Amino acid sequence: MPIVPVYNAAGEKIDDITLKDEIFAIEPNTHAVHLAVVSYLANQRQGTQSTLTRAEVSGGGRKPWRQKGTGRARHGSIRAPQWRHGGVALGPKPRDYVKQVNKKVKRLALKSVLSAKLSADEIKVLDSFGLEAVKTKEALKVLKNLDTGKKTLIVLPEKDDIVYLSTRNICGVKTVTVDSLNVYDLVNCNTVLFLRNAVTALEEVYA
């Protein structure tokens, strides 16, 4: 079982924590990770874009001129696509971009990323932020003490408004709870910073 140091807010090692092999020491499955990331990004798309066809544009009920004898091209409506203010031919319509990935693949992808992050030494465990009030300056100091890098994902065991509000204005830092942890956020960060209790909560769900 992998053993990871636990740090305090000053960046000093105070203890060790043993992580479970079934979450943090599996053989990463890159295909499962790819499916999970593609699914996550596709599901963020709203798909509400829409254009009006010639049938939906108002006006154009009368034939602009007679069919023959004018020397001009024949037309049936001034709302046809070739006319100014006409409808749009083959334009986008509302659609659903959702891609489904089954639960087993999602869990495998999450464990794969966590295992890869641990082997790359990109997981750190913090005992506590030690914040008594909302202070971005203090939160930034903790992250600097831990040398977390450009992009940091903070994983909390449960919602903590003080930590969330203290870190939300720091560029490159995102805060999530264990129950909202996803593969894309893990892939898209340089360091995953777990609070000690968050590791326990994660292992209870996924082990």
N, C-alpha and C. Protein backbone atom coordinates (compact mmCIF):
# COMPACT_ATOMS: atom_id res chain seq x y z
N MET A 1 0.84 -1.20 0.00
CA MET A 1 0.00 0.00 0.00
C MET A 1 0.87 1.25 0.00
N PRO A 2 0.56 2.23 -0.87
CA PRO A 2 1.38 3.44 -0.91
C PRO A 2 1.22 4.29 0.35
N ILE A 3 2.33 4.86 0.78
CA ILE A 3 2.32 5.72 1.97
C ILE A 3 2.67 7.15 1.53
N VAL A 4 1.83 8.11 1.94
CA VAL A 4 1.99 9.50 1.52
C VAL A 4 2.13 10.38 2.77
N PRO A 5 3.03 11.36 2.75
CA PRO A 5 3.16 12.25 3.91
C PRO A 5 1.97 13.18 4.05
N VAL A 6 1.65 13.52 5.28
CA VAL A 6 0.59 14.49 5.58
C VAL A 6 1.27 15.77 6.06
N TYR A 7 0.87 16.89 5.47
CA TYR A 7 1.48 18.18 5.80
C TYR A 7 0.52 19.05 6.60
N ASN A 8 1.10 19.99 7.35
CA ASN A 8 0.26 21.00 8.00
C ASN A 8 0.24 22.25 7.14
N ALA A 9 -0.45 23.29 7.59
CA ALA A 9 -0.61 24.52 6.80
C ALA A 9 0.71 25.23 6.53
N ALA A 10 1.73 24.94 7.37
CA ALA A 10 3.04 25.58 7.20
C ALA A 10 3.92 24.82 6.21
N GLY A 11 3.40 23.70 5.67
CA GLY A 11 4.17 22.92 4.72
C GLY A 11 5.11 21.92 5.36
N GLU A 12 4.92 21.65 6.69
CA GLU A 12 5.79 20.71 7.41
C GLU A 12 5.13 19.35 7.49
N LYS A 13 5.92 18.32 7.32
CA LYS A 13 5.40 16.96 7.43
C LYS A 13 5.10 16.65 8.90
N ILE A 14 3.87 16.19 9.16
CA ILE A 14 3.50 15.89 10.55
C ILE A 14 3.12 14.42 10.75
N ASP A 15 2.87 13.71 9.64
CA ASP A 15 2.41 12.33 9.77
C ASP A 15 2.49 11.64 8.40
N ASP A 16 2.14 10.36 8.38
CA ASP A 16 2.02 9.60 7.14
C ASP A 16 0.62 9.02 7.06
N ILE A 17 0.13 8.83 5.84
CA ILE A 17 -1.17 8.20 5.64
C ILE A 17 -1.01 7.08 4.61
N THR A 18 -1.64 5.95 4.89
CA THR A 18 -1.57 4.80 3.98
C THR A 18 -2.79 4.81 3.07
N LEU A 19 -2.55 4.76 1.78
CA LEU A 19 -3.62 4.79 0.79
C LEU A 19 -3.93 3.37 0.30
N LYS A 20 -5.16 3.15 -0.09
CA LYS A 20 -5.58 1.81 -0.50
C LYS A 20 -5.15 1.52 -1.95
N ASP A 21 -4.66 0.30 -2.13
CA ASP A 21 -4.17 -0.12 -3.45
C ASP A 21 -5.27 -0.10 -4.50
N GLU A 22 -6.50 -0.46 -4.12
CA GLU A 22 -7.57 -0.57 -5.12
C GLU A 22 -8.02 0.77 -5.69
N ILE A 23 -7.53 1.87 -5.10
CA ILE A 23 -7.85 3.20 -5.63
C ILE A 23 -6.61 3.90 -6.17
N PHE A 24 -5.52 3.81 -5.44
CA PHE A 24 -4.33 4.60 -5.76
C PHE A 24 -3.16 3.80 -6.35
N ALA A 25 -3.37 2.51 -6.59
CA ALA A 25 -2.24 1.71 -7.10
C ALA A 25 -2.68 0.68 -8.12
N ILE A 26 -3.62 1.05 -8.98
CA ILE A 26 -4.04 0.14 -10.05
C ILE A 26 -3.29 0.48 -11.34
N GLU A 27 -3.40 -0.41 -12.31
CA GLU A 27 -2.81 -0.15 -13.62
C GLU A 27 -3.74 0.81 -14.36
N PRO A 28 -3.30 2.04 -14.68
CA PRO A 28 -4.20 3.02 -15.31
C PRO A 28 -4.75 2.54 -16.65
N ASN A 29 -6.05 2.74 -16.84
CA ASN A 29 -6.71 2.38 -18.10
C ASN A 29 -6.97 3.68 -18.88
N THR A 30 -6.12 3.95 -19.86
CA THR A 30 -6.20 5.23 -20.58
C THR A 30 -7.47 5.34 -21.41
N HIS A 31 -7.97 4.20 -21.90
CA HIS A 31 -9.20 4.25 -22.71
C HIS A 31 -10.39 4.68 -21.86
N ALA A 32 -10.47 4.16 -20.64
CA ALA A 32 -11.56 4.54 -19.74
C ALA A 32 -11.48 6.03 -19.40
N VAL A 33 -10.25 6.51 -19.19
CA VAL A 33 -10.06 7.93 -18.88
C VAL A 33 -10.51 8.79 -20.07
N HIS A 34 -10.14 8.36 -21.27
CA HIS A 34 -10.54 9.10 -22.47
C HIS A 34 -12.05 9.17 -22.60
N LEU A 35 -12.73 8.05 -22.40
CA LEU A 35 -14.19 8.02 -22.49
C LEU A 35 -14.82 8.96 -21.46
N ALA A 36 -14.29 8.95 -20.24
CA ALA A 36 -14.85 9.79 -19.17
C ALA A 36 -14.66 11.28 -19.47
N VAL A 37 -13.48 11.64 -19.99
CA VAL A 37 -13.22 13.06 -20.30
C VAL A 37 -14.09 13.53 -21.46
N VAL A 38 -14.18 12.73 -22.53
CA VAL A 38 -15.02 13.10 -23.68
C VAL A 38 -16.48 13.24 -23.25
N SER A 39 -16.94 12.32 -22.41
CA SER A 39 -18.32 12.37 -21.92
C SER A 39 -18.56 13.62 -21.09
N TYR A 40 -17.62 13.95 -20.20
CA TYR A 40 -17.77 15.14 -19.35
C TYR A 40 -17.85 16.42 -20.18
N LEU A 41 -16.94 16.56 -21.15
CA LEU A 41 -16.91 17.77 -21.98
C LEU A 41 -18.15 17.87 -22.87
N ALA A 42 -18.60 16.74 -23.40
CA ALA A 42 -19.80 16.74 -24.25
C ALA A 42 -21.02 17.13 -23.43
N ASN A 43 -21.09 16.66 -22.19
CA ASN A 43 -22.25 16.94 -21.36
C ASN A 43 -22.29 18.38 -20.85
N GLN A 44 -21.19 19.12 -21.02
CA GLN A 44 -21.20 20.54 -20.65
C GLN A 44 -21.86 21.40 -21.73
N ARG A 45 -22.00 20.85 -22.93
CA ARG A 45 -22.55 21.63 -24.04
C ARG A 45 -24.06 21.75 -23.88
N GLN A 46 -24.58 22.96 -24.09
CA GLN A 46 -26.01 23.18 -23.90
C GLN A 46 -26.83 22.73 -25.11
N GLY A 47 -26.29 22.92 -26.30
CA GLY A 47 -27.02 22.50 -27.49
C GLY A 47 -28.28 23.30 -27.75
N THR A 48 -28.27 24.59 -27.38
CA THR A 48 -29.47 25.42 -27.54
C THR A 48 -29.40 26.31 -28.79
N GLN A 49 -28.34 26.17 -29.59
CA GLN A 49 -28.22 27.01 -30.77
C GLN A 49 -29.35 26.69 -31.76
N SER A 50 -29.86 27.73 -32.41
CA SER A 50 -30.98 27.50 -33.32
C SER A 50 -31.05 28.61 -34.37
N THR A 51 -31.38 28.24 -35.60
CA THR A 51 -31.62 29.22 -36.66
C THR A 51 -33.02 28.99 -37.23
N LEU A 52 -33.57 30.01 -37.88
CA LEU A 52 -34.91 29.91 -38.45
C LEU A 52 -34.84 29.39 -39.89
N THR A 53 -35.66 28.43 -40.21
CA THR A 53 -35.77 27.96 -41.59
C THR A 53 -36.70 28.90 -42.36
N ARG A 54 -36.84 28.70 -43.65
CA ARG A 54 -37.71 29.56 -44.45
C ARG A 54 -39.17 29.47 -44.00
N ALA A 55 -39.53 28.35 -43.39
CA ALA A 55 -40.91 28.20 -42.91
C ALA A 55 -41.16 28.96 -41.62
N GLU A 56 -40.08 29.29 -40.89
CA GLU A 56 -40.23 29.92 -39.58
C GLU A 56 -40.02 31.43 -39.60
N VAL A 57 -39.44 31.97 -40.67
CA VAL A 57 -39.23 33.42 -40.77
C VAL A 57 -40.57 34.08 -41.12
N SER A 58 -40.88 35.16 -40.42
CA SER A 58 -42.16 35.82 -40.68
C SER A 58 -42.14 36.54 -42.02
N GLY A 59 -43.29 36.61 -42.65
CA GLY A 59 -43.41 37.28 -43.95
C GLY A 59 -43.24 36.30 -45.09
N GLY A 60 -43.26 36.86 -46.32
CA GLY A 60 -43.00 36.04 -47.50
C GLY A 60 -44.17 35.18 -47.94
N GLY A 61 -45.36 35.54 -47.55
CA GLY A 61 -46.51 34.72 -47.91
C GLY A 61 -46.94 34.89 -49.37
N ARG A 62 -46.56 36.01 -49.98
CA ARG A 62 -46.99 36.29 -51.36
C ARG A 62 -45.85 36.04 -52.33
N LYS A 63 -46.16 35.52 -53.49
CA LYS A 63 -45.16 35.33 -54.54
C LYS A 63 -44.68 36.71 -54.98
N PRO A 64 -43.35 36.98 -54.96
CA PRO A 64 -42.86 38.34 -55.23
C PRO A 64 -43.21 38.88 -56.62
N TRP A 65 -43.19 38.05 -57.65
CA TRP A 65 -43.65 38.45 -58.99
C TRP A 65 -44.11 37.20 -59.74
N ARG A 66 -44.77 37.45 -60.87
CA ARG A 66 -45.33 36.31 -61.61
C ARG A 66 -44.23 35.40 -62.12
N GLN A 67 -44.61 34.16 -62.38
CA GLN A 67 -43.64 33.13 -62.73
C GLN A 67 -42.92 33.43 -64.04
N LYS A 68 -43.62 33.85 -65.07
CA LYS A 68 -43.01 34.00 -66.40
C LYS A 68 -43.16 35.43 -66.93
N GLY A 69 -42.31 35.75 -67.87
CA GLY A 69 -42.47 36.99 -68.62
C GLY A 69 -41.77 38.21 -68.07
N THR A 70 -41.13 38.09 -66.89
CA THR A 70 -40.48 39.28 -66.32
C THR A 70 -39.00 39.34 -66.68
N GLY A 71 -38.43 38.25 -67.11
CA GLY A 71 -36.99 38.21 -67.40
C GLY A 71 -36.16 37.93 -66.16
N ARG A 72 -36.81 37.87 -65.03
CA ARG A 72 -36.08 37.59 -63.79
C ARG A 72 -36.25 36.12 -63.38
N ALA A 73 -35.42 35.71 -62.45
CA ALA A 73 -35.51 34.33 -61.98
C ALA A 73 -36.83 34.12 -61.24
N ARG A 74 -37.34 32.91 -61.32
CA ARG A 74 -38.62 32.62 -60.66
C ARG A 74 -38.40 32.47 -59.15
N HIS A 75 -39.34 33.02 -58.38
CA HIS A 75 -39.28 32.92 -56.92
C HIS A 75 -40.68 32.71 -56.39
N GLY A 76 -40.74 31.99 -55.28
CA GLY A 76 -42.05 31.76 -54.67
C GLY A 76 -42.21 32.50 -53.36
N SER A 77 -41.08 32.93 -52.77
CA SER A 77 -41.16 33.60 -51.47
C SER A 77 -39.89 34.43 -51.25
N ILE A 78 -40.05 35.58 -50.62
CA ILE A 78 -38.88 36.41 -50.32
C ILE A 78 -38.19 35.96 -49.03
N ARG A 79 -38.66 34.86 -48.46
CA ARG A 79 -38.02 34.32 -47.25
C ARG A 79 -37.22 33.05 -47.56
N ALA A 80 -36.97 32.79 -48.84
CA ALA A 80 -36.11 31.67 -49.23
C ALA A 80 -34.66 31.98 -48.82
N PRO A 81 -33.82 30.99 -48.64
CA PRO A 81 -32.45 31.22 -48.13
C PRO A 81 -31.60 32.18 -48.95
N GLN A 82 -31.83 32.26 -50.27
CA GLN A 82 -30.98 33.13 -51.09
C GLN A 82 -31.36 34.60 -50.97
N TRP A 83 -32.46 34.92 -50.29
CA TRP A 83 -32.89 36.30 -50.12
C TRP A 83 -32.34 36.87 -48.81
N ARG A 84 -32.10 38.18 -48.84
CA ARG A 84 -31.73 38.86 -47.60
C ARG A 84 -32.92 38.79 -46.64
N HIS A 85 -32.64 38.53 -45.36
CA HIS A 85 -33.66 38.31 -44.33
C HIS A 85 -34.43 37.01 -44.53
N GLY A 86 -33.93 36.16 -45.40
CA GLY A 86 -34.58 34.87 -45.60
C GLY A 86 -34.17 33.87 -44.52
N GLY A 87 -34.73 32.68 -44.64
CA GLY A 87 -34.39 31.63 -43.68
C GLY A 87 -32.99 31.10 -43.92
N VAL A 88 -32.52 30.26 -43.01
CA VAL A 88 -31.18 29.67 -43.10
C VAL A 88 -31.32 28.22 -43.55
N ALA A 89 -30.59 27.87 -44.60
CA ALA A 89 -30.62 26.49 -45.10
C ALA A 89 -29.64 25.63 -44.31
N LEU A 90 -30.10 24.51 -43.80
CA LEU A 90 -29.26 23.53 -43.12
C LEU A 90 -28.52 24.12 -41.91
N GLY A 91 -29.16 25.09 -41.24
CA GLY A 91 -28.54 25.70 -40.06
C GLY A 91 -28.68 24.83 -38.83
N PRO A 92 -28.00 25.20 -37.73
CA PRO A 92 -28.07 24.39 -36.51
C PRO A 92 -29.44 24.47 -35.84
N LYS A 93 -29.83 23.38 -35.22
CA LYS A 93 -31.07 23.29 -34.46
C LYS A 93 -30.75 22.71 -33.08
N PRO A 94 -31.60 22.95 -32.09
CA PRO A 94 -31.33 22.39 -30.75
C PRO A 94 -31.11 20.88 -30.81
N ARG A 95 -30.08 20.43 -30.10
CA ARG A 95 -29.79 19.00 -30.06
C ARG A 95 -29.14 18.63 -28.73
N ASP A 96 -29.14 17.38 -28.43
CA ASP A 96 -28.60 16.88 -27.18
C ASP A 96 -27.23 16.25 -27.43
N TYR A 97 -26.19 16.78 -26.76
CA TYR A 97 -24.84 16.28 -26.96
C TYR A 97 -24.43 15.21 -25.93
N VAL A 98 -25.35 14.83 -25.07
CA VAL A 98 -25.02 13.94 -23.95
C VAL A 98 -24.43 12.61 -24.43
N LYS A 99 -23.32 12.23 -23.79
CA LYS A 99 -22.71 10.92 -24.04
C LYS A 99 -22.72 10.14 -22.73
N GLN A 100 -23.29 8.97 -22.75
CA GLN A 100 -23.40 8.17 -21.54
C GLN A 100 -22.18 7.26 -21.37
N VAL A 101 -21.69 7.19 -20.13
CA VAL A 101 -20.63 6.24 -19.79
C VAL A 101 -21.11 5.48 -18.56
N ASN A 102 -21.02 4.15 -18.60
CA ASN A 102 -21.56 3.41 -17.47
C ASN A 102 -20.73 3.57 -16.20
N LYS A 103 -21.33 3.22 -15.07
CA LYS A 103 -20.73 3.48 -13.76
C LYS A 103 -19.38 2.80 -13.58
N LYS A 104 -19.27 1.57 -14.04
CA LYS A 104 -18.01 0.83 -13.85
C LYS A 104 -16.86 1.52 -14.58
N VAL A 105 -17.13 2.03 -15.77
CA VAL A 105 -16.09 2.71 -16.54
C VAL A 105 -15.70 4.02 -15.86
N LYS A 106 -16.70 4.75 -15.33
CA LYS A 106 -16.41 6.00 -14.62
C LYS A 106 -15.53 5.75 -13.39
N ARG A 107 -15.87 4.72 -12.64
CA ARG A 107 -15.07 4.40 -11.44
C ARG A 107 -13.66 3.97 -11.82
N LEU A 108 -13.55 3.18 -12.88
CA LEU A 108 -12.24 2.74 -13.35
C LEU A 108 -11.41 3.94 -13.81
N ALA A 109 -12.04 4.87 -14.50
CA ALA A 109 -11.34 6.07 -14.99
C ALA A 109 -10.83 6.91 -13.82
N LEU A 110 -11.69 7.09 -12.80
CA LEU A 110 -11.30 7.89 -11.63
C LEU A 110 -10.12 7.25 -10.90
N LYS A 111 -10.20 5.94 -10.70
CA LYS A 111 -9.11 5.24 -10.03
C LYS A 111 -7.83 5.27 -10.86
N SER A 112 -7.99 5.21 -12.18
CA SER A 112 -6.82 5.24 -13.08
C SER A 112 -6.09 6.57 -12.97
N VAL A 113 -6.85 7.67 -12.96
CA VAL A 113 -6.23 8.99 -12.87
C VAL A 113 -5.57 9.18 -11.51
N LEU A 114 -6.24 8.75 -10.44
CA LEU A 114 -5.66 8.90 -9.09
C LEU A 114 -4.37 8.08 -8.98
N SER A 115 -4.36 6.89 -9.56
CA SER A 115 -3.15 6.05 -9.53
C SER A 115 -2.02 6.70 -10.32
N ALA A 116 -2.37 7.25 -11.48
CA ALA A 116 -1.35 7.92 -12.31
C ALA A 116 -0.81 9.17 -11.61
N LYS A 117 -1.70 9.91 -10.97
CA LYS A 117 -1.27 11.13 -10.25
C LYS A 117 -0.33 10.77 -9.10
N LEU A 118 -0.66 9.70 -8.39
CA LEU A 118 0.18 9.31 -7.26
C LEU A 118 1.56 8.85 -7.73
N SER A 119 1.59 8.08 -8.81
CA SER A 119 2.88 7.61 -9.33
C SER A 119 3.73 8.76 -9.87
N ALA A 120 3.05 9.86 -10.28
CA ALA A 120 3.78 11.04 -10.77
C ALA A 120 4.07 12.03 -9.65
N ASP A 121 3.75 11.63 -8.41
CA ASP A 121 3.99 12.47 -7.23
C ASP A 121 3.21 13.79 -7.33
N GLU A 122 1.97 13.71 -7.80
CA GLU A 122 1.13 14.91 -7.95
C GLU A 122 -0.05 14.91 -6.98
N ILE A 123 0.04 14.09 -5.94
CA ILE A 123 -1.00 14.08 -4.90
C ILE A 123 -0.37 14.48 -3.58
N LYS A 124 -1.00 15.43 -2.91
CA LYS A 124 -0.53 15.86 -1.59
C LYS A 124 -1.70 15.82 -0.62
N VAL A 125 -1.39 15.53 0.64
CA VAL A 125 -2.42 15.45 1.67
C VAL A 125 -2.16 16.51 2.73
N LEU A 126 -3.19 17.30 2.99
CA LEU A 126 -3.10 18.40 3.97
C LEU A 126 -3.96 18.04 5.18
N ASP A 127 -3.41 18.27 6.36
CA ASP A 127 -4.17 17.97 7.58
C ASP A 127 -5.34 18.93 7.72
N SER A 128 -5.08 20.24 7.57
CA SER A 128 -6.16 21.24 7.67
C SER A 128 -5.63 22.58 7.18
N PHE A 129 -6.53 23.36 6.57
CA PHE A 129 -6.14 24.71 6.15
C PHE A 129 -5.95 25.63 7.35
N GLY A 130 -6.66 25.35 8.42
CA GLY A 130 -6.55 26.17 9.63
C GLY A 130 -7.11 27.56 9.48
N LEU A 131 -8.08 27.74 8.60
CA LEU A 131 -8.69 29.06 8.38
C LEU A 131 -9.89 29.24 9.31
N GLU A 132 -9.88 30.33 10.05
CA GLU A 132 -11.01 30.61 10.94
C GLU A 132 -11.99 31.59 10.30
N ALA A 133 -11.54 32.30 9.28
CA ALA A 133 -12.40 33.24 8.55
C ALA A 133 -11.97 33.22 7.08
N VAL A 134 -12.79 33.86 6.25
CA VAL A 134 -12.49 33.90 4.82
C VAL A 134 -11.29 34.83 4.58
N LYS A 135 -10.16 34.24 4.22
CA LYS A 135 -8.93 35.00 3.98
C LYS A 135 -8.18 34.40 2.78
N THR A 136 -8.30 35.04 1.63
CA THR A 136 -7.63 34.55 0.42
C THR A 136 -6.11 34.57 0.61
N LYS A 137 -5.63 35.60 1.28
CA LYS A 137 -4.19 35.74 1.49
C LYS A 137 -3.63 34.55 2.28
N GLU A 138 -4.37 34.13 3.31
CA GLU A 138 -3.92 33.00 4.14
C GLU A 138 -3.98 31.69 3.36
N ALA A 139 -5.04 31.52 2.56
CA ALA A 139 -5.16 30.31 1.75
C ALA A 139 -4.03 30.22 0.72
N LEU A 140 -3.69 31.37 0.12
CA LEU A 140 -2.61 31.42 -0.86
C LEU A 140 -1.27 31.07 -0.20
N LYS A 141 -1.11 31.51 1.03
CA LYS A 141 0.12 31.21 1.76
C LYS A 141 0.26 29.70 2.00
N VAL A 142 -0.86 29.05 2.32
CA VAL A 142 -0.83 27.60 2.54
C VAL A 142 -0.43 26.87 1.26
N LEU A 143 -1.01 27.29 0.13
CA LEU A 143 -0.69 26.65 -1.15
C LEU A 143 0.78 26.87 -1.53
N LYS A 144 1.30 28.06 -1.22
CA LYS A 144 2.72 28.32 -1.51
C LYS A 144 3.63 27.47 -0.63
N ASN A 145 3.23 27.29 0.62
CA ASN A 145 4.02 26.46 1.54
C ASN A 145 4.09 25.02 1.06
N LEU A 146 3.01 24.57 0.40
CA LEU A 146 2.96 23.19 -0.08
C LEU A 146 3.52 23.05 -1.50
N ASP A 147 3.82 24.19 -2.15
CA ASP A 147 4.36 24.20 -3.51
C ASP A 147 3.49 23.36 -4.44
N THR A 148 2.22 23.77 -4.55
CA THR A 148 1.25 22.97 -5.29
C THR A 148 1.31 23.14 -6.80
N GLY A 149 1.95 24.18 -7.30
CA GLY A 149 2.05 24.36 -8.75
C GLY A 149 0.98 25.28 -9.30
N LYS A 150 0.94 25.35 -10.65
CA LYS A 150 0.08 26.33 -11.34
C LYS A 150 -1.40 26.03 -11.16
N LYS A 151 -1.78 24.77 -11.43
CA LYS A 151 -3.19 24.37 -11.33
C LYS A 151 -3.34 23.38 -10.18
N THR A 152 -4.23 23.73 -9.25
CA THR A 152 -4.41 22.90 -8.07
C THR A 152 -5.88 22.56 -7.90
N LEU A 153 -6.16 21.29 -7.64
CA LEU A 153 -7.51 20.85 -7.33
C LEU A 153 -7.55 20.49 -5.85
N ILE A 154 -8.37 21.23 -5.10
CA ILE A 154 -8.52 20.97 -3.66
C ILE A 154 -9.74 20.09 -3.45
N VAL A 155 -9.54 18.96 -2.79
CA VAL A 155 -10.65 18.02 -2.56
C VAL A 155 -11.01 18.04 -1.08
N LEU A 156 -12.25 18.43 -0.81
CA LEU A 156 -12.75 18.53 0.57
C LEU A 156 -13.68 17.35 0.86
N PRO A 157 -13.76 16.93 2.14
CA PRO A 157 -14.68 15.83 2.47
C PRO A 157 -16.14 16.24 2.35
N GLU A 158 -16.42 17.50 2.62
CA GLU A 158 -17.78 18.04 2.51
C GLU A 158 -17.68 19.54 2.28
N LYS A 159 -18.83 20.16 2.02
CA LYS A 159 -18.82 21.59 1.70
C LYS A 159 -18.25 22.41 2.85
N ASP A 160 -17.31 23.28 2.52
CA ASP A 160 -16.68 24.17 3.51
C ASP A 160 -16.62 25.57 2.91
N ASP A 161 -17.54 26.43 3.32
CA ASP A 161 -17.64 27.76 2.73
C ASP A 161 -16.39 28.60 2.96
N ILE A 162 -15.76 28.43 4.10
CA ILE A 162 -14.57 29.24 4.40
C ILE A 162 -13.44 28.92 3.41
N VAL A 163 -13.19 27.63 3.19
CA VAL A 163 -12.13 27.23 2.25
C VAL A 163 -12.52 27.62 0.83
N TYR A 164 -13.79 27.36 0.47
CA TYR A 164 -14.25 27.66 -0.90
C TYR A 164 -14.13 29.16 -1.20
N LEU A 165 -14.63 30.00 -0.30
CA LEU A 165 -14.60 31.45 -0.54
C LEU A 165 -13.18 32.01 -0.48
N SER A 166 -12.31 31.36 0.30
CA SER A 166 -10.92 31.83 0.42
C SER A 166 -10.10 31.50 -0.81
N THR A 167 -10.50 30.46 -1.56
CA THR A 167 -9.68 30.02 -2.69
C THR A 167 -10.29 30.32 -4.06
N ARG A 168 -11.54 30.78 -4.10
CA ARG A 168 -12.19 30.89 -5.41
C ARG A 168 -11.59 31.98 -6.30
N ASN A 169 -10.91 32.97 -5.70
CA ASN A 169 -10.32 34.04 -6.51
C ASN A 169 -8.85 33.77 -6.88
N ILE A 170 -8.33 32.64 -6.45
CA ILE A 170 -6.93 32.32 -6.76
C ILE A 170 -6.89 31.65 -8.14
N CYS A 171 -6.12 32.24 -9.03
CA CYS A 171 -6.04 31.73 -10.41
C CYS A 171 -5.50 30.30 -10.44
N GLY A 172 -6.20 29.42 -11.16
CA GLY A 172 -5.74 28.05 -11.32
C GLY A 172 -6.13 27.11 -10.20
N VAL A 173 -6.90 27.60 -9.22
CA VAL A 173 -7.29 26.77 -8.08
C VAL A 173 -8.79 26.47 -8.16
N LYS A 174 -9.14 25.20 -8.02
CA LYS A 174 -10.54 24.81 -8.00
C LYS A 174 -10.79 23.94 -6.77
N THR A 175 -11.93 24.16 -6.13
CA THR A 175 -12.28 23.40 -4.93
C THR A 175 -13.51 22.54 -5.20
N VAL A 176 -13.41 21.25 -4.89
CA VAL A 176 -14.54 20.33 -5.06
C VAL A 176 -14.68 19.47 -3.81
N THR A 177 -15.85 18.86 -3.66
CA THR A 177 -16.05 17.89 -2.59
C THR A 177 -15.87 16.49 -3.17
N VAL A 178 -15.73 15.51 -2.30
CA VAL A 178 -15.51 14.13 -2.74
C VAL A 178 -16.64 13.65 -3.63
N ASP A 179 -17.88 14.01 -3.29
CA ASP A 179 -19.02 13.51 -4.08
C ASP A 179 -19.15 14.18 -5.43
N SER A 180 -18.42 15.28 -5.68
CA SER A 180 -18.47 15.92 -7.00
C SER A 180 -17.15 15.81 -7.75
N LEU A 181 -16.26 14.95 -7.27
CA LEU A 181 -14.97 14.75 -7.92
C LEU A 181 -15.17 14.08 -9.27
N ASN A 182 -14.51 14.59 -10.31
CA ASN A 182 -14.66 14.00 -11.63
C ASN A 182 -13.30 13.88 -12.33
N VAL A 183 -13.28 13.03 -13.34
CA VAL A 183 -12.03 12.69 -14.03
C VAL A 183 -11.41 13.90 -14.72
N TYR A 184 -12.25 14.74 -15.36
CA TYR A 184 -11.72 15.89 -16.10
C TYR A 184 -10.95 16.84 -15.18
N ASP A 185 -11.52 17.15 -14.01
CA ASP A 185 -10.84 18.05 -13.08
C ASP A 185 -9.50 17.46 -12.62
N LEU A 186 -9.46 16.15 -12.42
CA LEU A 186 -8.22 15.51 -12.00
C LEU A 186 -7.16 15.58 -13.10
N VAL A 187 -7.58 15.33 -14.33
CA VAL A 187 -6.64 15.37 -15.46
C VAL A 187 -6.14 16.79 -15.70
N ASN A 188 -7.01 17.77 -15.45
CA ASN A 188 -6.73 19.16 -15.80
C ASN A 188 -6.02 19.92 -14.68
N CYS A 189 -5.29 19.26 -13.81
CA CYS A 189 -4.57 19.98 -12.75
C CYS A 189 -3.17 19.42 -12.60
N ASN A 190 -2.30 20.23 -12.01
CA ASN A 190 -0.92 19.80 -11.77
C ASN A 190 -0.79 19.07 -10.45
N THR A 191 -1.60 19.49 -9.47
CA THR A 191 -1.53 18.89 -8.13
C THR A 191 -2.94 18.67 -7.59
N VAL A 192 -3.16 17.49 -7.00
CA VAL A 192 -4.42 17.22 -6.30
C VAL A 192 -4.12 17.32 -4.81
N LEU A 193 -4.77 18.28 -4.16
CA LEU A 193 -4.54 18.50 -2.73
C LEU A 193 -5.74 17.96 -1.95
N PHE A 194 -5.56 16.81 -1.31
CA PHE A 194 -6.61 16.20 -0.50
C PHE A 194 -6.52 16.69 0.94
N LEU A 195 -7.65 17.02 1.53
CA LEU A 195 -7.67 17.16 2.98
C LEU A 195 -7.68 15.75 3.55
N ARG A 196 -7.12 15.57 4.70
CA ARG A 196 -6.95 14.23 5.27
C ARG A 196 -8.29 13.48 5.35
N ASN A 197 -9.33 14.17 5.80
CA ASN A 197 -10.64 13.53 5.93
C ASN A 197 -11.23 13.19 4.57
N ALA A 198 -10.83 13.92 3.52
CA ALA A 198 -11.34 13.67 2.18
C ALA A 198 -10.82 12.33 1.66
N VAL A 199 -9.59 11.97 2.02
CA VAL A 199 -9.03 10.67 1.60
C VAL A 199 -9.86 9.54 2.20
N THR A 200 -10.20 9.67 3.49
CA THR A 200 -11.02 8.66 4.15
C THR A 200 -12.38 8.55 3.50
N ALA A 201 -12.99 9.70 3.21
CA ALA A 201 -14.32 9.70 2.57
C ALA A 201 -14.26 9.08 1.19
N LEU A 202 -13.19 9.38 0.44
CA LEU A 202 -13.03 8.82 -0.91
C LEU A 202 -12.89 7.30 -0.86
N GLU A 203 -12.11 6.82 0.08
CA GLU A 203 -11.89 5.38 0.20
C GLU A 203 -13.17 4.65 0.63
N GLU A 204 -13.99 5.30 1.43
CA GLU A 204 -15.27 4.69 1.82
C GLU A 204 -16.20 4.51 0.62
N VAL A 205 -16.11 5.43 -0.33
CA VAL A 205 -17.00 5.37 -1.51
C VAL A 205 -16.46 4.41 -2.56
N TYR A 206 -15.16 4.47 -2.84
CA TYR A 206 -14.60 3.76 -4.00
C TYR A 206 -13.83 2.48 -3.70
N ALA A 207 -13.47 2.25 -2.44
CA ALA A 207 -12.67 1.05 -2.14
C ALA A 207 -13.54 -0.20 -2.19
